Every structure is written in C-alpha cells, then in structure tokens.
Amino acid sequence: LIATHNQHKAVEIRAILVMPGLELVTMDSYPGVPEVVEDGDTFEANARKKAVTLALATGLWTLADDSGLMVDALGGAPGVWSARYAGEPVDYAANNRKLLAALSNASDRRARFQCTMALSHPDGRAQVVDGRCEGRIIHECHGAGGFGYDPLFVPDGHDVTFAEMESGLKNRISHRSRALAAAARKWARIFAGDEAAVQGW
C-alpha cells in the first residue's frame, strides 16, 4: 500500500519502484480507512505514523513518506508544514506566493527537498530511509510540470526548475527518487516477497 491519495506522488513512486511481482495500490482502494493526522515535528515521525497506522488498519505492507522543502534563509521552513505552508486547504500557488514573499529580501536562496520513507510490516514494525536533493529557490515560478514547489526549485547542477524538467530526469534526481532508490536497495527482498526476509524483519 502506498499511503497517499496524491496521484502525482503515486505516479512518481510507480515510475521509480518497478519490481517483478510488486503490486502498488493507493489509499483510494481503501476508502473506509481514516485519514492519518500528520502532527509529528519531523519527516520521520510523520512517515512512521502513516506507515504503521495504515499497515495495522489494512493488514498490508505499507510504504509512507513525508517530504518537504527546507530553506536555509528561513531556518529550515517550511519543513514538515510544506504542504500547508499557506494554510488549509492545500494550495500550491498560495504556498509559492508565501515562500517568495518570505524570501523577498534574502540573498541566500539555498534549499533542499527531503523525503523520509517508512515501510511498515502489517504488524506495525517499521524502518525508514531518507533522500535529499539540494538546490536553490529562484525569484519567480517557471514551468508547468510537477507540483508543489517544483516551479521555484532549481536542483544543483541544473539550470531549470523541477517544473520545467523532463519527468524522467526529475525522477532520477529528486529527493523522492533517492529515497525510493534507498528503499529498493534496503527492502528489495521484502518487495520481492522473500519469506526469509519477511520473517527476519
């Protein structure tokens, strides 16, 4: 189970985590399962909470992530509040406007996306991996692809935003792709259904 209703995120995960015999379903397949309140103060706390709660509720191995943008000039904000930076309901355009306003006088534009991914056994035991992508925040939105802060974030070594970047390239260098690559390495035997690995979890 991918612990999300976010179809943008599900598409990215399915594009990266391609393994024989691995079937990935989203929360849309489990409409009766309650929403998990992401009230942790770290990405790891939120990822673990989602993975464990939904694994126990569905009886499935559950992969959950929490990710966000950390901006040096803002002391690491918006951080765990990235999706709700401008308030509820989630509004990507409003978040971007608020971020640009907060950085209006900042010369240091360094930032990074971080993704922490948790995998929970159906009994609630969980492990985590991390992925990061370093970059900078530009002064106005560019590009129509991606979602969230993608139109403002230029990854190191590149001169276009995530929103302007071809999806295949973004999926190779993004924080989520790096976390998924770490997940694929660490949990390959679990994803392949290796009974010995399951018993040794």
C-alpha atoms as a PDB file:
ATOM      1  CA  LEU A   1       0.000   0.000   0.000  1.00  0.00           C
ATOM      2  CA  ILE A   2       1.258   3.475  -0.887  1.00  0.00           C
ATOM      3  CA  ALA A   3      -0.049   5.650   1.917  1.00  0.00           C
ATOM      4  CA  THR A   4      -1.320   8.516  -0.190  1.00  0.00           C
ATOM      5  CA  HIS A   5      -4.300   9.874  -2.124  1.00  0.00           C
ATOM      6  CA  ASN A   6      -1.936  12.169  -4.034  1.00  0.00           C
ATOM      7  CA  GLN A   7      -1.947  10.874  -7.589  1.00  0.00           C
ATOM      8  CA  HIS A   8       1.088  12.991  -8.543  1.00  0.00           C
ATOM      9  CA  LYS A   9       3.067  11.227  -5.831  1.00  0.00           C
ATOM     10  CA  ALA A  10       1.667   7.789  -6.743  1.00  0.00           C
ATOM     11  CA  VAL A  11       2.695   8.254 -10.379  1.00  0.00           C
ATOM     12  CA  GLU A  12       6.239   9.184  -9.344  1.00  0.00           C
ATOM     13  CA  ILE A  13       6.516   6.208  -6.981  1.00  0.00           C
ATOM     14  CA  ARG A  14       5.155   3.743  -9.556  1.00  0.00           C
ATOM     15  CA  ALA A  15       7.569   5.088 -12.172  1.00  0.00           C
ATOM     16  CA  ILE A  16      10.554   4.505  -9.910  1.00  0.00           C
ATOM     17  CA  LEU A  17       9.657   1.444  -7.849  1.00  0.00           C
ATOM     18  CA  VAL A  18       9.230  -1.079 -10.653  1.00  0.00           C
ATOM     19  CA  MET A  19       9.922  -4.627  -9.438  1.00  0.00           C
ATOM     20  CA  PRO A  20       8.618  -8.014 -10.653  1.00  0.00           C
ATOM     21  CA  GLY A  21       5.618  -9.194  -8.664  1.00  0.00           C
ATOM     22  CA  LEU A  22       5.243  -5.939  -6.735  1.00  0.00           C
ATOM     23  CA  GLU A  23       1.704  -4.536  -6.876  1.00  0.00           C
ATOM     24  CA  LEU A  24       1.219  -0.999  -5.592  1.00  0.00           C
ATOM     25  CA  VAL A  25      -2.194   0.309  -4.551  1.00  0.00           C
ATOM     26  CA  THR A  26      -3.109   3.701  -3.114  1.00  0.00           C
ATOM     27  CA  MET A  27      -5.452   4.806  -0.367  1.00  0.00           C
ATOM     28  CA  ASP A  28      -8.169   5.222  -2.994  1.00  0.00           C
ATOM     29  CA  SER A  29      -8.556   1.431  -2.792  1.00  0.00           C
ATOM     30  CA  TYR A  30      -9.341   1.740   0.945  1.00  0.00           C
ATOM     31  CA  PRO A  31     -11.973   4.488   1.291  1.00  0.00           C
ATOM     32  CA  GLY A  32     -13.031   3.331   4.758  1.00  0.00           C
ATOM     33  CA  VAL A  33      -9.620   3.819   6.340  1.00  0.00           C
ATOM     34  CA  PRO A  34      -9.448   7.072   8.339  1.00  0.00           C
ATOM     35  CA  GLU A  35      -7.042   9.851   7.402  1.00  0.00           C
ATOM     36  CA  VAL A  36      -3.837   9.960   9.436  1.00  0.00           C
ATOM     37  CA  VAL A  37      -3.156  13.327  11.052  1.00  0.00           C
ATOM     38  CA  GLU A  38       0.425  14.326  10.266  1.00  0.00           C
ATOM     39  CA  ASP A  39       1.200  16.057  13.561  1.00  0.00           C
ATOM     40  CA  GLY A  40       4.805  14.983  14.004  1.00  0.00           C
ATOM     41  CA  ASP A  41       7.579  17.545  14.230  1.00  0.00           C
ATOM     42  CA  THR A  42       9.892  15.628  11.874  1.00  0.00           C
ATOM     43  CA  PHE A  43       9.524  13.971   8.488  1.00  0.00           C
ATOM     44  CA  GLU A  44      10.422  10.635  10.088  1.00  0.00           C
ATOM     45  CA  ALA A  45       7.733  10.923  12.756  1.00  0.00           C
ATOM     46  CA  ASN A  46       5.040  11.598  10.150  1.00  0.00           C
ATOM     47  CA  ALA A  47       6.235   8.870   7.769  1.00  0.00           C
ATOM     48  CA  ARG A  48       6.366   6.278  10.546  1.00  0.00           C
ATOM     49  CA  LYS A  49       2.941   7.263  11.866  1.00  0.00           C
ATOM     50  CA  LYS A  50       1.305   6.964   8.452  1.00  0.00           C
ATOM     51  CA  ALA A  51       3.000   3.682   7.576  1.00  0.00           C
ATOM     52  CA  VAL A  52       2.286   1.979  10.899  1.00  0.00           C
ATOM     53  CA  THR A  53      -1.283   3.248  11.273  1.00  0.00           C
ATOM     54  CA  LEU A  54      -2.300   2.177   7.771  1.00  0.00           C
ATOM     55  CA  ALA A  55      -0.450  -1.135   7.898  1.00  0.00           C
ATOM     56  CA  LEU A  56      -2.327  -2.046  11.066  1.00  0.00           C
ATOM     57  CA  ALA A  57      -5.616  -0.854   9.548  1.00  0.00           C
ATOM     58  CA  THR A  58      -5.289  -2.716   6.229  1.00  0.00           C
ATOM     59  CA  GLY A  59      -3.100  -5.704   7.027  1.00  0.00           C
ATOM     60  CA  LEU A  60      -0.812  -4.747   4.118  1.00  0.00           C
ATOM     61  CA  TRP A  61       2.848  -3.868   3.967  1.00  0.00           C
ATOM     62  CA  THR A  62       2.639  -0.080   3.792  1.00  0.00           C
ATOM     63  CA  LEU A  63       5.031   2.445   2.297  1.00  0.00           C
ATOM     64  CA  ALA A  64       4.568   6.006   3.509  1.00  0.00           C
ATOM     65  CA  ASP A  65       6.608   9.126   3.051  1.00  0.00           C
ATOM     66  CA  ASP A  66       6.738  12.609   4.366  1.00  0.00           C
ATOM     67  CA  SER A  67       8.596  15.146   2.363  1.00  0.00           C
ATOM     68  CA  GLY A  68       9.032  18.844   2.115  1.00  0.00           C
ATOM     69  CA  LEU A  69      11.162  21.830   1.336  1.00  0.00           C
ATOM     70  CA  MET A  70      13.735  23.225   3.739  1.00  0.00           C
ATOM     71  CA  VAL A  71      15.059  26.712   3.029  1.00  0.00           C
ATOM     72  CA  ASP A  72      18.256  27.840   4.755  1.00  0.00           C
ATOM     73  CA  ALA A  73      17.297  31.516   4.992  1.00  0.00           C
ATOM     74  CA  LEU A  74      14.056  30.515   6.735  1.00  0.00           C
ATOM     75  CA  GLY A  75      15.718  28.284   9.328  1.00  0.00           C
ATOM     76  CA  GLY A  76      14.570  25.123   7.575  1.00  0.00           C
ATOM     77  CA  ALA A  77      10.973  26.254   6.996  1.00  0.00           C
ATOM     78  CA  PRO A  78       8.515  25.371   5.645  1.00  0.00           C
ATOM     79  CA  GLY A  79       9.752  21.859   6.543  1.00  0.00           C
ATOM     80  CA  VAL A  80       7.048  19.497   7.781  1.00  0.00           C
ATOM     81  CA  TRP A  81       4.500  22.242   7.082  1.00  0.00           C
ATOM     82  CA  SER A  82       5.418  22.432   3.388  1.00  0.00           C
ATOM     83  CA  ALA A  83       2.053  21.276   2.013  1.00  0.00           C
ATOM     84  CA  ARG A  84       0.092  23.507   4.410  1.00  0.00           C
ATOM     85  CA  TYR A  85       2.508  26.459   4.480  1.00  0.00           C
ATOM     86  CA  ALA A  86      -0.178  28.957   3.428  1.00  0.00           C
ATOM     87  CA  GLY A  87      -2.911  27.221   5.445  1.00  0.00           C
ATOM     88  CA  GLU A  88      -5.730  24.787   4.728  1.00  0.00           C
ATOM     89  CA  PRO A  89      -6.866  23.567   2.291  1.00  0.00           C
ATOM     90  CA  VAL A  90      -3.609  22.799   0.497  1.00  0.00           C
ATOM     91  CA  ASP A  91      -2.985  25.432  -2.184  1.00  0.00           C
ATOM     92  CA  TYR A  92       0.265  25.067  -4.131  1.00  0.00           C
ATOM     93  CA  ALA A  93       0.060  28.515  -5.737  1.00  0.00           C
ATOM     94  CA  ALA A  94      -0.562  30.182  -2.359  1.00  0.00           C
ATOM     95  CA  ASN A  95       2.360  28.269  -0.848  1.00  0.00           C
ATOM     96  CA  ASN A  96       4.654  29.501  -3.613  1.00  0.00           C
ATOM     97  CA  ARG A  97       3.486  33.085  -3.183  1.00  0.00           C
ATOM     98  CA  LYS A  98       4.109  32.925   0.564  1.00  0.00           C
ATOM     99  CA  LEU A  99       7.571  31.432   0.036  1.00  0.00           C
ATOM    100  CA  LEU A 100       8.557  34.157  -2.431  1.00  0.00           C
ATOM    101  CA  ALA A 101       7.298  36.833  -0.042  1.00  0.00           C
ATOM    102  CA  ALA A 102       9.276  35.318   2.835  1.00  0.00           C
ATOM    103  CA  LEU A 103      12.434  35.336   0.684  1.00  0.00           C
ATOM    104  CA  SER A 104      11.895  38.785  -0.843  1.00  0.00           C
ATOM    105  CA  ASN A 105      14.967  40.243   0.882  1.00  0.00           C
ATOM    106  CA  ALA A 106      17.041  37.076   1.106  1.00  0.00           C
ATOM    107  CA  SER A 107      20.338  36.762  -0.738  1.00  0.00           C
ATOM    108  CA  ASP A 108      20.843  33.166   0.421  1.00  0.00           C
ATOM    109  CA  ARG A 109      18.443  31.083  -1.695  1.00  0.00           C
ATOM    110  CA  ARG A 110      19.848  27.647  -0.815  1.00  0.00           C
ATOM    111  CA  ALA A 111      17.244  24.957  -0.169  1.00  0.00           C
ATOM    112  CA  ARG A 112      16.692  21.239  -0.314  1.00  0.00           C
ATOM    113  CA  PHE A 113      13.859  18.820  -0.700  1.00  0.00           C
ATOM    114  CA  GLN A 114      13.910  15.957   1.786  1.00  0.00           C
ATOM    115  CA  CYS A 115      11.910  12.756   1.663  1.00  0.00           C
ATOM    116  CA  THR A 116      11.768  10.279   4.523  1.00  0.00           C
ATOM    117  CA  MET A 117      10.178   6.968   3.614  1.00  0.00           C
ATOM    118  CA  ALA A 118       8.911   4.377   6.071  1.00  0.00           C
ATOM    119  CA  LEU A 119       7.960   0.786   5.369  1.00  0.00           C
ATOM    120  CA  SER A 120       5.768  -0.941   7.926  1.00  0.00           C
ATOM    121  CA  HIS A 121       5.155  -4.646   8.358  1.00  0.00           C
ATOM    122  CA  PRO A 122       1.433  -5.428   8.764  1.00  0.00           C
ATOM    123  CA  ASP A 123       2.107  -5.881  12.496  1.00  0.00           C
ATOM    124  CA  GLY A 124       3.385  -2.309  12.857  1.00  0.00           C
ATOM    125  CA  ARG A 125       7.153  -2.715  12.877  1.00  0.00           C
ATOM    126  CA  ALA A 126       8.712  -0.055  10.676  1.00  0.00           C
ATOM    127  CA  GLN A 127      12.027   1.038   9.211  1.00  0.00           C
ATOM    128  CA  VAL A 128      12.974   4.271   7.412  1.00  0.00           C
ATOM    129  CA  VAL A 129      15.252   5.601   4.671  1.00  0.00           C
ATOM    130  CA  ASP A 130      15.954   9.165   3.516  1.00  0.00           C
ATOM    131  CA  GLY A 131      16.624  11.026   0.285  1.00  0.00           C
ATOM    132  CA  ARG A 132      17.640  14.642  -0.356  1.00  0.00           C
ATOM    133  CA  CYS A 133      18.010  16.924  -3.345  1.00  0.00           C
ATOM    134  CA  GLU A 134      19.997  20.133  -2.876  1.00  0.00           C
ATOM    135  CA  GLY A 135      19.239  23.253  -4.877  1.00  0.00           C
ATOM    136  CA  ARG A 136      18.065  26.840  -4.738  1.00  0.00           C
ATOM    137  CA  ILE A 137      14.869  28.899  -4.846  1.00  0.00           C
ATOM    138  CA  ILE A 138      14.503  31.261  -7.800  1.00  0.00           C
ATOM    139  CA  HIS A 139      12.611  34.571  -7.803  1.00  0.00           C
ATOM    140  CA  GLU A 140       9.528  33.610  -9.829  1.00  0.00           C
ATOM    141  CA  CYS A 141       7.726  30.450 -10.906  1.00  0.00           C
ATOM    142  CA  HIS A 142       8.887  28.702 -14.073  1.00  0.00           C
ATOM    143  CA  GLY A 143       7.358  25.643 -15.702  1.00  0.00           C
ATOM    144  CA  ALA A 144       4.029  23.852 -15.647  1.00  0.00           C
ATOM    145  CA  GLY A 145       5.110  20.320 -14.715  1.00  0.00           C
ATOM    146  CA  GLY A 146       5.411  18.680 -11.333  1.00  0.00           C
ATOM    147  CA  PHE A 147       3.578  20.009  -8.313  1.00  0.00           C
ATOM    148  CA  GLY A 148       4.120  21.879  -5.062  1.00  0.00           C
ATOM    149  CA  TYR A 149       7.265  23.995  -5.013  1.00  0.00           C
ATOM    150  CA  ASP A 150       8.620  22.481  -8.256  1.00  0.00           C
ATOM    151  CA  PRO A 151       8.226  25.759 -10.251  1.00  0.00           C
ATOM    152  CA  LEU A 152      10.560  27.554  -7.804  1.00  0.00           C
ATOM    153  CA  PHE A 153      13.232  24.911  -7.160  1.00  0.00           C
ATOM    154  CA  VAL A 154      16.327  24.528  -9.338  1.00  0.00           C
ATOM    155  CA  PRO A 155      18.377  21.473  -8.325  1.00  0.00           C
ATOM    156  CA  ASP A 156      22.142  21.777  -8.075  1.00  0.00           C
ATOM    157  CA  GLY A 157      23.907  21.103 -11.361  1.00  0.00           C
ATOM    158  CA  HIS A 158      20.907  22.180 -13.435  1.00  0.00           C
ATOM    159  CA  ASP A 159      19.567  25.464 -14.802  1.00  0.00           C
ATOM    160  CA  VAL A 160      15.850  24.654 -14.978  1.00  0.00           C
ATOM    161  CA  THR A 161      13.262  24.083 -12.275  1.00  0.00           C
ATOM    162  CA  PHE A 162      11.738  20.729 -11.423  1.00  0.00           C
ATOM    163  CA  ALA A 163       8.569  22.032 -13.117  1.00  0.00           C
ATOM    164  CA  GLU A 164      10.460  22.648 -16.369  1.00  0.00           C
ATOM    165  CA  MET A 165      12.413  19.413 -16.243  1.00  0.00           C
ATOM    166  CA  GLU A 166      11.557  16.312 -18.250  1.00  0.00           C
ATOM    167  CA  SER A 167       9.852  13.921 -15.841  1.00  0.00           C
ATOM    168  CA  GLY A 168      12.312  11.107 -16.456  1.00  0.00           C
ATOM    169  CA  LEU A 169      15.219  13.299 -15.407  1.00  0.00           C
ATOM    170  CA  LYS A 170      13.380  14.629 -12.381  1.00  0.00           C
ATOM    171  CA  ASN A 171      12.557  11.076 -11.323  1.00  0.00           C
ATOM    172  CA  ARG A 172      16.259  10.221 -11.416  1.00  0.00           C
ATOM    173  CA  ILE A 173      17.453  13.078  -9.223  1.00  0.00           C
ATOM    174  CA  SER A 174      14.549  14.035  -6.945  1.00  0.00           C
ATOM    175  CA  HIS A 175      14.506  13.574  -3.190  1.00  0.00           C
ATOM    176  CA  ARG A 176      11.725  11.022  -3.606  1.00  0.00           C
ATOM    177  CA  SER A 177      13.659   9.063  -6.222  1.00  0.00           C
ATOM    178  CA  ARG A 178      16.698   8.980  -3.951  1.00  0.00           C
ATOM    179  CA  ALA A 179      14.611   7.781  -1.021  1.00  0.00           C
ATOM    180  CA  LEU A 180      12.947   5.175  -3.259  1.00  0.00           C
ATOM    181  CA  ALA A 181      16.340   4.037  -4.540  1.00  0.00           C
ATOM    182  CA  ALA A 182      17.438   3.600  -0.937  1.00  0.00           C
ATOM    183  CA  ALA A 183      14.186   1.766  -0.216  1.00  0.00           C
ATOM    184  CA  ALA A 184      14.664  -0.522  -3.211  1.00  0.00           C
ATOM    185  CA  ARG A 185      18.171  -1.388  -2.025  1.00  0.00           C
ATOM    186  CA  LYS A 186      17.297  -1.859   1.627  1.00  0.00           C
ATOM    187  CA  TRP A 187      13.978  -3.648   1.178  1.00  0.00           C
ATOM    188  CA  ALA A 188      14.414  -5.442  -2.159  1.00  0.00           C
ATOM    189  CA  ARG A 189      13.859  -8.876  -0.623  1.00  0.00           C
ATOM    190  CA  ILE A 190      10.710  -7.680   1.163  1.00  0.00           C
ATOM    191  CA  PHE A 191       9.309  -6.200  -2.070  1.00  0.00           C
ATOM    192  CA  ALA A 192      10.105  -9.477  -3.844  1.00  0.00           C
ATOM    193  CA  GLY A 193       8.119 -11.443  -1.262  1.00  0.00           C
ATOM    194  CA  ASP A 194      11.123 -13.300   0.166  1.00  0.00           C
ATOM    195  CA  GLU A 195       9.698 -15.217   3.133  1.00  0.00           C
ATOM    196  CA  ALA A 196      13.052 -15.368   4.902  1.00  0.00           C
ATOM    197  CA  ALA A 197      13.356 -11.587   4.732  1.00  0.00           C
ATOM    198  CA  VAL A 198       9.801 -11.172   5.992  1.00  0.00           C
ATOM    199  CA  GLN A 199      10.488 -13.436   8.968  1.00  0.00           C
ATOM    200  CA  GLY A 200      13.714 -11.579   9.713  1.00  0.00           C
ATOM    201  CA  TRP A 201      12.140  -8.113   9.596  1.00  0.00           C
END
